[in-house]
């Protein structure tokens, strides 16, 4: 208050000099006296404006929270729908996989698929039938050890002959190279040499491995016969399991009539 009075006194003394009117001094004094009230009014208006801004912010926060809640519900609903769709797709894929497994085990279900597809080359047996076939193949009863050993010796002899032929053929190709002015002829001769050597050596290895396996089988059967574990008597198979080869010559010469000819004869 002392500062205000001092300013009021200075303004009045300054403005009341000769040549100055009193109206500006009165106005300044009035303004200085009303300054605290104006400051209070301004603070009140500022508080009201701040309250309005706070209310607006609260409303905006409420709207944002509501929108976020709605978006969260939409996302959760979409996630549940996506989960349901994913589960449906997984079930369908599992069914397709099961169908493919059945096709691999039992072949195609349709007759057309059996004729045109790869089902004709697939096994049509069940797991129990496969196990029975494996057990039957492992049964060494009815195998003659003498015949088995003789077969192994034959296979080993063929393998030895093919190996000797491989060495002789290799020496022949080495001592008699093909020399020609044409590069194509030389390359063709080299390809023929490689193919011939490869086939003969492959055949000798095949017969050698087969002969060794048959020889070991004969030794195992002979040991089983000596110990009484195995019986070399041939097993009798029923006629239904036998393979009957058709008479191709009779069919070609039409000496054996087929079913179509029989039907024509019956109709006539």
C-alpha atoms as a PDB file:
ATOM      1  CA  UNK A   1       0.000   0.000   0.000  1.00  0.00           C
ATOM      2  CA  UNK A   2       2.935   2.424   0.663  1.00  0.00           C
ATOM      3  CA  UNK A   3       4.171   1.987  -2.879  1.00  0.00           C
ATOM      4  CA  UNK A   4       0.727   2.663  -4.292  1.00  0.00           C
ATOM      5  CA  UNK A   5       0.393   5.877  -2.255  1.00  0.00           C
ATOM      6  CA  UNK A   6       3.836   7.001  -3.366  1.00  0.00           C
ATOM      7  CA  UNK A   7       2.973   6.399  -7.007  1.00  0.00           C
ATOM      8  CA  UNK A   8      -0.337   8.187  -6.554  1.00  0.00           C
ATOM      9  CA  UNK A   9       1.397  11.195  -4.981  1.00  0.00           C
ATOM     10  CA  UNK A  10       4.025  11.376  -7.699  1.00  0.00           C
ATOM     11  CA  UNK A  11       1.467  11.145 -10.452  1.00  0.00           C
ATOM     12  CA  UNK A  12      -0.704  13.833  -8.911  1.00  0.00           C
ATOM     13  CA  UNK A  13       2.240  16.174  -8.286  1.00  0.00           C
ATOM     14  CA  UNK A  14       3.552  15.555 -11.779  1.00  0.00           C
ATOM     15  CA  UNK A  15       0.249  16.019 -13.536  1.00  0.00           C
ATOM     16  CA  UNK A  16      -0.779  19.125 -11.516  1.00  0.00           C
ATOM     17  CA  UNK A  17       2.053  21.225 -12.866  1.00  0.00           C
ATOM     18  CA  UNK A  18       1.183  24.340 -14.835  1.00  0.00           C
ATOM     19  CA  UNK A  19       0.065  23.543 -18.321  1.00  0.00           C
ATOM     20  CA  UNK A  20      -1.340  20.103 -17.391  1.00  0.00           C
ATOM     21  CA  UNK A  21      -5.010  19.322 -16.915  1.00  0.00           C
ATOM     22  CA  UNK A  22      -6.373  17.503 -13.886  1.00  0.00           C
ATOM     23  CA  UNK A  23      -8.473  15.006 -15.806  1.00  0.00           C
ATOM     24  CA  UNK A  24      -5.618  12.634 -16.666  1.00  0.00           C
ATOM     25  CA  UNK A  25      -4.445  12.647 -13.076  1.00  0.00           C
ATOM     26  CA  UNK A  26      -7.910  11.733 -11.875  1.00  0.00           C
ATOM     27  CA  UNK A  27      -8.117   8.964 -14.411  1.00  0.00           C
ATOM     28  CA  UNK A  28      -4.752   7.546 -13.363  1.00  0.00           C
ATOM     29  CA  UNK A  29      -5.712   7.679  -9.709  1.00  0.00           C
ATOM     30  CA  UNK A  30      -8.962   5.907 -10.455  1.00  0.00           C
ATOM     31  CA  UNK A  31      -7.132   3.259 -12.425  1.00  0.00           C
ATOM     32  CA  UNK A  32      -4.634   2.710  -9.647  1.00  0.00           C
ATOM     33  CA  UNK A  33      -7.390   2.442  -7.079  1.00  0.00           C
ATOM     34  CA  UNK A  34      -9.287  -0.099  -9.225  1.00  0.00           C
ATOM     35  CA  UNK A  35      -6.208  -2.194 -10.035  1.00  0.00           C
ATOM     36  CA  UNK A  36      -6.609  -4.729  -7.159  1.00  0.00           C
ATOM     37  CA  UNK A  37     -10.235  -5.324  -8.060  1.00  0.00           C
ATOM     38  CA  UNK A  38      -9.357  -5.779 -11.718  1.00  0.00           C
ATOM     39  CA  UNK A  39      -6.628  -8.240 -10.763  1.00  0.00           C
ATOM     40  CA  UNK A  40      -9.110 -10.195  -8.645  1.00  0.00           C
ATOM     41  CA  UNK A  41     -11.630 -10.228 -11.511  1.00  0.00           C
ATOM     42  CA  UNK A  42      -8.951 -11.446 -13.928  1.00  0.00           C
ATOM     43  CA  UNK A  43      -7.927 -14.225 -11.540  1.00  0.00           C
ATOM     44  CA  UNK A  44     -11.583 -15.236 -11.184  1.00  0.00           C
ATOM     45  CA  UNK A  45     -12.006 -15.356 -14.961  1.00  0.00           C
ATOM     46  CA  UNK A  46      -8.790 -17.349 -15.292  1.00  0.00           C
ATOM     47  CA  UNK A  47     -10.005 -19.823 -12.649  1.00  0.00           C
ATOM     48  CA  UNK A  48     -13.318 -20.191 -14.487  1.00  0.00           C
ATOM     49  CA  UNK A  49     -11.502 -20.743 -17.778  1.00  0.00           C
ATOM     50  CA  UNK A  50      -9.202 -23.314 -16.146  1.00  0.00           C
ATOM     51  CA  UNK A  51     -12.233 -25.100 -14.685  1.00  0.00           C
ATOM     52  CA  UNK A  52     -13.828 -25.150 -18.116  1.00  0.00           C
ATOM     53  CA  UNK A  53     -10.630 -26.566 -19.624  1.00  0.00           C
ATOM     54  CA  UNK A  54     -10.446 -29.220 -16.882  1.00  0.00           C
ATOM     55  CA  UNK A  55     -14.054 -30.197 -17.571  1.00  0.00           C
ATOM     56  CA  UNK A  56     -13.355 -30.384 -21.281  1.00  0.00           C
ATOM     57  CA  UNK A  57     -10.312 -32.570 -20.632  1.00  0.00           C
ATOM     58  CA  UNK A  58     -12.368 -34.840 -18.380  1.00  0.00           C
ATOM     59  CA  UNK A  59     -15.008 -35.202 -21.098  1.00  0.00           C
ATOM     60  CA  UNK A  60     -12.336 -35.910 -23.702  1.00  0.00           C
ATOM     61  CA  UNK A  61     -10.726 -38.512 -21.431  1.00  0.00           C
ATOM     62  CA  UNK A  62     -14.102 -40.155 -20.891  1.00  0.00           C
ATOM     63  CA  UNK A  63     -14.748 -40.239 -24.644  1.00  0.00           C
ATOM     64  CA  UNK A  64     -11.270 -41.657 -25.303  1.00  0.00           C
ATOM     65  CA  UNK A  65     -11.730 -44.322 -22.627  1.00  0.00           C
ATOM     66  CA  UNK A  66     -15.102 -45.246 -24.107  1.00  0.00           C
ATOM     67  CA  UNK A  67     -13.638 -45.491 -27.598  1.00  0.00           C
ATOM     68  CA  UNK A  68     -10.716 -47.575 -26.331  1.00  0.00           C
ATOM     69  CA  UNK A  69     -13.160 -49.877 -24.539  1.00  0.00           C
ATOM     70  CA  UNK A  70     -15.211 -50.265 -27.715  1.00  0.00           C
ATOM     71  CA  UNK A  71     -12.086 -50.930 -29.790  1.00  0.00           C
ATOM     72  CA  UNK A  72     -10.923 -53.491 -27.220  1.00  0.00           C
ATOM     73  CA  UNK A  73     -14.297 -55.233 -27.428  1.00  0.00           C
ATOM     74  CA  UNK A  74     -14.118 -55.201 -31.234  1.00  0.00           C
ATOM     75  CA  UNK A  75     -10.578 -56.599 -31.168  1.00  0.00           C
ATOM     76  CA  UNK A  76     -11.555 -59.304 -28.688  1.00  0.00           C
ATOM     77  CA  UNK A  77     -14.559 -60.221 -30.805  1.00  0.00           C
ATOM     78  CA  UNK A  78     -12.418 -60.339 -33.943  1.00  0.00           C
ATOM     79  CA  UNK A  79      -9.850 -62.461 -32.131  1.00  0.00           C
ATOM     80  CA  UNK A  80     -12.542 -64.898 -31.040  1.00  0.00           C
ATOM     81  CA  UNK A  81     -13.921 -65.061 -34.592  1.00  0.00           C
ATOM     82  CA  UNK A  82     -10.413 -65.546 -35.980  1.00  0.00           C
ATOM     83  CA  UNK A  83      -9.790 -68.269 -33.398  1.00  0.00           C
ATOM     84  CA  UNK A  84     -13.004 -69.998 -34.421  1.00  0.00           C
ATOM     85  CA  UNK A  85     -12.090 -69.768 -38.103  1.00  0.00           C
ATOM     86  CA  UNK A  86      -8.584 -71.058 -37.375  1.00  0.00           C
ATOM     87  CA  UNK A  87     -10.017 -73.991 -35.448  1.00  0.00           C
ATOM     88  CA  UNK A  88     -12.329 -74.829 -38.357  1.00  0.00           C
ATOM     89  CA  UNK A  89      -9.441 -74.706 -40.837  1.00  0.00           C
ATOM     90  CA  UNK A  90      -7.310 -76.906 -38.585  1.00  0.00           C
ATOM     91  CA  UNK A  91     -10.078 -79.493 -38.349  1.00  0.00           C
ATOM     92  CA  UNK A  92     -10.461 -79.528 -42.131  1.00  0.00           C
ATOM     93  CA  UNK A  93      -6.704 -79.926 -42.612  1.00  0.00           C
ATOM     94  CA  UNK A  94      -6.613 -82.777 -40.110  1.00  0.00           C
ATOM     95  CA  UNK A  95      -9.416 -84.526 -42.003  1.00  0.00           C
ATOM     96  CA  UNK A  96      -7.511 -84.135 -45.276  1.00  0.00           C
ATOM     97  CA  UNK A  97      -4.361 -85.556 -43.679  1.00  0.00           C
ATOM     98  CA  UNK A  98      -6.295 -88.550 -42.366  1.00  0.00           C
ATOM     99  CA  UNK A  99      -7.745 -89.126 -45.838  1.00  0.00           C
ATOM    100  CA  UNK A 100      -4.263 -89.023 -47.389  1.00  0.00           C
ATOM    101  CA  UNK A 101      -2.989 -91.503 -44.796  1.00  0.00           C
ATOM    102  CA  UNK A 102      -5.864 -93.849 -45.605  1.00  0.00           C
ATOM    103  CA  UNK A 103      -5.044 -93.566 -49.307  1.00  0.00           C
ATOM    104  CA  UNK A 104      -1.405 -94.458 -48.647  1.00  0.00           C
ATOM    105  CA  UNK A 105      -2.376 -97.459 -46.522  1.00  0.00           C
ATOM    106  CA  UNK A 106      -5.321 -98.859 -48.447  1.00  0.00           C
ATOM    107  CA  UNK A 107      -4.986 -97.156 -51.837  1.00  0.00           C
ATOM    108  CA  UNK A 108      -7.571 -95.108 -53.685  1.00  0.00           C
ATOM    109  CA  UNK A 109     -11.195 -95.836 -52.938  1.00  0.00           C
ATOM    110  CA  UNK A 110     -12.544 -95.463 -56.464  1.00  0.00           C
ATOM    111  CA  UNK A 111     -12.015 -98.027 -59.221  1.00  0.00           C
ATOM    112  CA  UNK A 112     -10.928 -95.349 -61.666  1.00  0.00           C
ATOM    113  CA  UNK A 113      -8.209 -94.217 -59.261  1.00  0.00           C
ATOM    114  CA  UNK A 114      -7.010 -97.797 -58.930  1.00  0.00           C
ATOM    115  CA  UNK A 115      -6.713 -98.130 -62.711  1.00  0.00           C
ATOM    116  CA  UNK A 116      -5.222 -94.753 -63.582  1.00  0.00           C
ATOM    117  CA  UNK A 117      -3.404 -93.685 -60.411  1.00  0.00           C
ATOM    118  CA  UNK A 118      -0.537 -95.131 -58.430  1.00  0.00           C
ATOM    119  CA  UNK A 119      -2.882 -97.187 -56.271  1.00  0.00           C
ATOM    120  CA  UNK A 120      -2.257-100.217 -58.494  1.00  0.00           C
ATOM    121  CA  UNK A 121       1.365-100.254 -57.328  1.00  0.00           C
ATOM    122  CA  UNK A 122       0.511 -99.774 -53.655  1.00  0.00           C
ATOM    123  CA  UNK A 123      -0.142-102.493 -51.167  1.00  0.00           C
ATOM    124  CA  UNK A 124      -3.822-103.137 -50.476  1.00  0.00           C
ATOM    125  CA  UNK A 125      -3.117-105.112 -47.322  1.00  0.00           C
ATOM    126  CA  UNK A 126      -3.915-104.043 -43.798  1.00  0.00           C
ATOM    127  CA  UNK A 127      -1.363-103.808 -41.007  1.00  0.00           C
ATOM    128  CA  UNK A 128      -2.321-107.245 -39.683  1.00  0.00           C
ATOM    129  CA  UNK A 129      -1.893-108.788 -43.139  1.00  0.00           C
ATOM    130  CA  UNK A 130       1.509-107.126 -43.526  1.00  0.00           C
ATOM    131  CA  UNK A 131       2.670-108.442 -40.161  1.00  0.00           C
ATOM    132  CA  UNK A 132       1.474-111.931 -41.092  1.00  0.00           C
ATOM    133  CA  UNK A 133       3.337-111.742 -44.425  1.00  0.00           C
ATOM    134  CA  UNK A 134       6.545-110.625 -42.668  1.00  0.00           C
ATOM    135  CA  UNK A 135       6.250-113.454 -40.145  1.00  0.00           C
ATOM    136  CA  UNK A 136       5.715-115.939 -42.987  1.00  0.00           C
ATOM    137  CA  UNK A 137       8.770-114.614 -44.841  1.00  0.00           C
ATOM    138  CA  UNK A 138      10.891-114.993 -41.707  1.00  0.00           C
ATOM    139  CA  UNK A 139       9.813-118.591 -41.316  1.00  0.00           C
ATOM    140  CA  UNK A 140      12.726-120.675 -42.641  1.00  0.00           C
ATOM    141  CA  UNK A 141      10.921-124.002 -42.449  1.00  0.00           C
ATOM    142  CA  UNK A 142      10.765-125.770 -45.807  1.00  0.00           C
ATOM    143  CA  UNK A 143      14.054-124.293 -47.069  1.00  0.00           C
ATOM    144  CA  UNK A 144      16.520-126.900 -48.324  1.00  0.00           C
ATOM    145  CA  UNK A 145      20.046-125.929 -47.181  1.00  0.00           C
ATOM    146  CA  UNK A 146      21.733-127.876 -50.005  1.00  0.00           C
ATOM    147  CA  UNK A 147      19.754-126.058 -52.693  1.00  0.00           C
ATOM    148  CA  UNK A 148      20.441-122.749 -50.990  1.00  0.00           C
ATOM    149  CA  UNK A 149      24.184-123.338 -50.808  1.00  0.00           C
ATOM    150  CA  UNK A 150      24.268-124.488 -54.435  1.00  0.00           C
ATOM    151  CA  UNK A 151      22.422-121.336 -55.515  1.00  0.00           C
ATOM    152  CA  UNK A 152      24.866-119.159 -53.597  1.00  0.00           C
ATOM    153  CA  UNK A 153      27.811-120.848 -55.323  1.00  0.00           C
ATOM    154  CA  UNK A 154      26.215-120.238 -58.720  1.00  0.00           C
ATOM    155  CA  UNK A 155      25.656-116.548 -57.932  1.00  0.00           C
ATOM    156  CA  UNK A 156      29.215-116.144 -56.651  1.00  0.00           C
ATOM    157  CA  UNK A 157      30.572-117.870 -59.792  1.00  0.00           C
ATOM    158  CA  UNK A 158      28.627-115.472 -62.032  1.00  0.00           C
ATOM    159  CA  UNK A 159      29.939-112.522 -60.005  1.00  0.00           C
ATOM    160  CA  UNK A 160      33.524-113.754 -60.404  1.00  0.00           C
ATOM    161  CA  UNK A 161      33.061-114.217 -64.157  1.00  0.00           C
ATOM    162  CA  UNK A 162      31.599-110.720 -64.567  1.00  0.00           C
ATOM    163  CA  UNK A 163      34.437-109.216 -62.549  1.00  0.00           C
ATOM    164  CA  UNK A 164      36.984-110.976 -64.768  1.00  0.00           C
ATOM    165  CA  UNK A 165      35.106-109.719 -67.828  1.00  0.00           C
ATOM    166  CA  UNK A 166      35.215-106.198 -66.399  1.00  0.00           C
ATOM    167  CA  UNK A 167      38.995-106.346 -66.023  1.00  0.00           C
ATOM    168  CA  UNK A 168      39.460-107.829 -69.493  1.00  0.00           C
ATOM    169  CA  UNK A 169      37.179-105.240 -71.075  1.00  0.00           C
ATOM    170  CA  UNK A 170      38.976-102.425 -69.286  1.00  0.00           C
ATOM    171  CA  UNK A 171      42.327-103.681 -70.553  1.00  0.00           C
ATOM    172  CA  UNK A 172      40.933-103.978 -74.086  1.00  0.00           C
ATOM    173  CA  UNK A 173      39.627-100.401 -74.076  1.00  0.00           C
ATOM    174  CA  UNK A 174      42.934 -99.156 -72.696  1.00  0.00           C
ATOM    175  CA  UNK A 175      45.066-100.929 -75.315  1.00  0.00           C
ATOM    176  CA  UNK A 176      42.757-100.075 -78.212  1.00  0.00           C
ATOM    177  CA  UNK A 177      41.730 -96.440 -77.930  1.00  0.00           C
ATOM    178  CA  UNK A 178      39.532 -94.927 -80.607  1.00  0.00           C
ATOM    179  CA  UNK A 179      41.441 -92.276 -82.552  1.00  0.00           C
ATOM    180  CA  UNK A 180      39.559 -90.189 -85.087  1.00  0.00           C
ATOM    181  CA  UNK A 181      39.699 -86.787 -86.673  1.00  0.00           C
ATOM    182  CA  UNK A 182      36.145 -86.151 -85.560  1.00  0.00           C
ATOM    183  CA  UNK A 183      35.697 -85.194 -81.938  1.00  0.00           C
ATOM    184  CA  UNK A 184      32.150 -86.563 -81.926  1.00  0.00           C
ATOM    185  CA  UNK A 185      33.400 -90.087 -82.725  1.00  0.00           C
ATOM    186  CA  UNK A 186      35.958 -90.035 -79.913  1.00  0.00           C
ATOM    187  CA  UNK A 187      33.414 -88.769 -77.367  1.00  0.00           C
ATOM    188  CA  UNK A 188      30.866 -91.393 -78.461  1.00  0.00           C
ATOM    189  CA  UNK A 189      33.459 -94.153 -78.047  1.00  0.00           C
ATOM    190  CA  UNK A 190      34.335 -92.858 -74.572  1.00  0.00           C
ATOM    191  CA  UNK A 191      30.653 -92.806 -73.553  1.00  0.00           C
ATOM    192  CA  UNK A 192      30.158 -96.360 -74.837  1.00  0.00           C
ATOM    193  CA  UNK A 193      33.240 -97.520 -72.914  1.00  0.00           C
ATOM    194  CA  UNK A 194      32.012 -95.957 -69.673  1.00  0.00           C
ATOM    195  CA  UNK A 195      28.505 -97.399 -70.053  1.00  0.00           C
ATOM    196  CA  UNK A 196      29.798-100.912 -70.781  1.00  0.00           C
ATOM    197  CA  UNK A 197      32.252-100.885 -67.891  1.00  0.00           C
ATOM    198  CA  UNK A 198      29.629 -99.497 -65.512  1.00  0.00           C
ATOM    199  CA  UNK A 199      26.943-102.046 -66.391  1.00  0.00           C
ATOM    200  CA  UNK A 200      29.262-105.065 -66.175  1.00  0.00           C
ATOM    201  CA  UNK A 201      30.816-103.940 -62.884  1.00  0.00           C
ATOM    202  CA  UNK A 202      27.354-103.229 -61.455  1.00  0.00           C
ATOM    203  CA  UNK A 203      26.141-106.694 -62.466  1.00  0.00           C
ATOM    204  CA  UNK A 204      29.190-108.337 -60.903  1.00  0.00           C
ATOM    205  CA  UNK A 205      28.589-106.487 -57.629  1.00  0.00           C
ATOM    206  CA  UNK A 206      24.890-107.404 -57.647  1.00  0.00           C
ATOM    207  CA  UNK A 207      25.574-111.111 -58.129  1.00  0.00           C
ATOM    208  CA  UNK A 208      28.378-111.022 -55.571  1.00  0.00           C
ATOM    209  CA  UNK A 209      26.204-109.476 -52.827  1.00  0.00           C
ATOM    210  CA  UNK A 210      23.276-111.774 -53.670  1.00  0.00           C
ATOM    211  CA  UNK A 211      25.499-114.863 -53.626  1.00  0.00           C
ATOM    212  CA  UNK A 212      26.966-113.875 -50.262  1.00  0.00           C
ATOM    213  CA  UNK A 213      23.506-113.362 -48.775  1.00  0.00           C
ATOM    214  CA  UNK A 214      22.211-116.687 -50.100  1.00  0.00           C
ATOM    215  CA  UNK A 215      25.309-118.454 -48.776  1.00  0.00           C
ATOM    216  CA  UNK A 216      24.743-117.019 -45.279  1.00  0.00           C
ATOM    217  CA  UNK A 217      21.075-118.036 -45.480  1.00  0.00           C
ATOM    218  CA  UNK A 218      22.069-121.583 -46.421  1.00  0.00           C
ATOM    219  CA  UNK A 219      24.463-121.751 -43.476  1.00  0.00           C
ATOM    220  CA  UNK A 220      21.725-120.545 -41.120  1.00  0.00           C
ATOM    221  CA  UNK A 221      19.244-123.109 -42.455  1.00  0.00           C
ATOM    222  CA  UNK A 222      21.838-125.888 -42.214  1.00  0.00           C
ATOM    223  CA  UNK A 223      22.529-124.947 -38.587  1.00  0.00           C
ATOM    224  CA  UNK A 224      18.789-124.972 -37.836  1.00  0.00           C
ATOM    225  CA  UNK A 225      18.346-128.380 -39.474  1.00  0.00           C
ATOM    226  CA  UNK A 226      21.272-129.840 -37.532  1.00  0.00           C
ATOM    227  CA  UNK A 227      19.961-128.526 -34.200  1.00  0.00           C
ATOM    228  CA  UNK A 228      16.389-129.621 -35.008  1.00  0.00           C
ATOM    229  CA  UNK A 229      15.021-126.071 -34.994  1.00  0.00           C
ATOM    230  CA  UNK A 230      14.022-126.093 -38.668  1.00  0.00           C
ATOM    231  CA  UNK A 231      12.396-128.661 -40.921  1.00  0.00           C
ATOM    232  CA  UNK A 232      13.704-128.775 -44.525  1.00  0.00           C
ATOM    233  CA  UNK A 233      10.567-130.542 -45.783  1.00  0.00           C
ATOM    234  CA  UNK A 234       8.875-128.338 -48.423  1.00  0.00           C
ATOM    235  CA  UNK A 235       5.646-126.720 -47.252  1.00  0.00           C
ATOM    236  CA  UNK A 236       2.489-127.526 -49.183  1.00  0.00           C
ATOM    237  CA  UNK A 237       0.509-124.531 -50.341  1.00  0.00           C
ATOM    238  CA  UNK A 238      -3.165-124.647 -51.304  1.00  0.00           C
ATOM    239  CA  UNK A 239      -4.052-124.390 -54.959  1.00  0.00           C
ATOM    240  CA  UNK A 240      -5.816-121.065 -54.411  1.00  0.00           C
ATOM    241  CA  UNK A 241      -2.489-119.424 -53.512  1.00  0.00           C
ATOM    242  CA  UNK A 242      -0.742-120.737 -56.608  1.00  0.00           C
ATOM    243  CA  UNK A 243      -0.110-118.484 -59.615  1.00  0.00           C
ATOM    244  CA  UNK A 244      -1.622-119.778 -62.817  1.00  0.00           C
ATOM    245  CA  UNK A 245       0.039-118.391 -65.922  1.00  0.00           C
ATOM    246  CA  UNK A 246      -2.260-117.957 -68.922  1.00  0.00           C
ATOM    247  CA  UNK A 247      -1.570-119.743 -72.187  1.00  0.00           C
ATOM    248  CA  UNK A 248      -0.599-116.800 -74.359  1.00  0.00           C
ATOM    249  CA  UNK A 249       0.012-118.919 -77.460  1.00  0.00           C
ATOM    250  CA  UNK A 250      -3.462-120.387 -77.226  1.00  0.00           C
ATOM    251  CA  UNK A 251      -4.968-116.911 -76.961  1.00  0.00           C
ATOM    252  CA  UNK A 252      -2.943-115.644 -79.932  1.00  0.00           C
ATOM    253  CA  UNK A 253      -3.853-118.607 -82.159  1.00  0.00           C
ATOM    254  CA  UNK A 254      -7.507-118.539 -80.938  1.00  0.00           C
ATOM    255  CA  UNK A 255      -7.344-122.259 -80.194  1.00  0.00           C
ATOM    256  CA  UNK A 256      -8.741-121.493 -76.751  1.00  0.00           C
ATOM    257  CA  UNK A 257     -11.943-119.479 -77.105  1.00  0.00           C
ATOM    258  CA  UNK A 258     -12.418-116.560 -74.754  1.00  0.00           C
ATOM    259  CA  UNK A 259     -15.596-115.420 -73.054  1.00  0.00           C
ATOM    260  CA  UNK A 260     -16.644-113.102 -75.855  1.00  0.00           C
ATOM    261  CA  UNK A 261     -16.574-115.931 -78.386  1.00  0.00           C
ATOM    262  CA  UNK A 262     -18.609-118.080 -76.021  1.00  0.00           C
ATOM    263  CA  UNK A 263     -21.249-115.376 -75.696  1.00  0.00           C
ATOM    264  CA  UNK A 264     -21.485-115.071 -79.462  1.00  0.00           C
ATOM    265  CA  UNK A 265     -21.868-118.815 -79.803  1.00  0.00           C
ATOM    266  CA  UNK A 266     -24.571-118.843 -77.154  1.00  0.00           C
ATOM    267  CA  UNK A 267     -26.479-116.046 -78.855  1.00  0.00           C
ATOM    268  CA  UNK A 268     -26.253-117.776 -82.209  1.00  0.00           C
END
